[in-house]
Amino acid sequence: MVTPMANTKNFSILSEGLSVGVSSVIITAICKIMDHTVTIPTQFKKERLDKALALLLPDFSRTRLRQLVETGCVSLQGSTIKDATYRVKPDEQYCITIPQAEPSHMEATDIPLNIIYEDDDMLVINKQAGLTVHPGAGNHQDTLVNALLAYCCDSLSGIGGVERPGIVHRIDKDTSGLLVVAKHDIAHRHLAEQLAERTLKRTYLAVCWGVPNVRVGWIDANIGRSHRDRKKMAAVKEGGKTATTHYKVVQRFKDLACLVECELETGRTHQIRVHMTHLGHPLIGDASYGSSHAKFLRKCDGATHDFIKEDFNRQALHAFKLRLIHPISGEEMSFEAPLPEELEQLLALLRENSL
């Protein structure tokens, strides 16, 4: 049993098949809550405290709940419990206080963003090529996360107890297109689960050198660190992580190049770029994986050759379609983003080159 203690927005979730033998438990959760009171049912006898709370509050990760226990945010009959391994007893009543999110130490930066969709729970962004998603070595302020901190201001309720946007999946710096961002923990958890369960669908358009012999197919090849260059990824025979990309040739430009639609079944680092290179058809403009592009460039006419070599400063990859289930309402949603101008120009030149 879960009793909300804050006068905020409610929604109900049916949690089925709990590992402790309960076939179904109806749980009332709170979006943007401050406090919960939970009563331990008989079936949870001798469970660890963090596990019992995770079963009763499925919209919070076990890691987050363990953090709350260890920081003194959980009490039993007025006494603070800081041991996440404590074995619970039936009918014990715990109060869980969800503190206000701490301010992020990351700097907010005013960078223009193309917002496709926004509500209280999430945003869908059409990211421009050249924008890094996360702060990292050498770039601590000019990233998508910094831009979102400036754009969202006070509308972020916190991810993992910190006021920051919840990046659900990433797009490479020099790739453009759609990605979804959570505004609070509950939305982030539901979207991340969709990603893990492969129900969040991401479809890309890529312009590749050459044309695959099989026009519609899939690539199953594990991806791991390259043995030749540890900064790069590669398709590996042993080790690595399983990776599957479904592809379809949408348009061909004689034997010079083709437009390919790719749908990710998994989401490994540089997956489409690595898989298409593994197939023998690297992406145009891919400086890391397009080592064979010189032989294709020689086949281009002057205008196409000069544009690709001098003006096309990105890989030809765009996340054009995103399908997901809204993390709060449960509504099925689909978003599309048109190709950016430089990709349209590339395709126009390849068409002319093929005449």
Foldseek 3Di string as FASTA:
>chain_A
DKDADDPADKDKDWDADDPLPDGIDIAIDGDLGFKMKDFQAQSQFQAFQLVSVCVRHVLADSVLSLVQLLVQQKDWPPHRHNGRRDGDHGGTMMMGGQDFAAEDPAAADADDWAWPDDDLWKTKTFFAAQAAAADDVPGRARHVFNPCCNVCPPSARDASRHQTKAFLAGDHRRETEIGMITRYSSQSVLSNVCQVVQVKKWKKKFKWFFAFPDQWDKFWFAKDADPVDRVDIAGDPDDHHTWMKTKHFPADLPGGITIMMIMTSHHDVCRVQRRCVVSVIHFQQPPPRPPPCVVSLVLFDDVLSCCSVPPSNGTRMYRFKIWDQRSGPRHTDMGGDDDDPSNVVNVVRSNVRSD
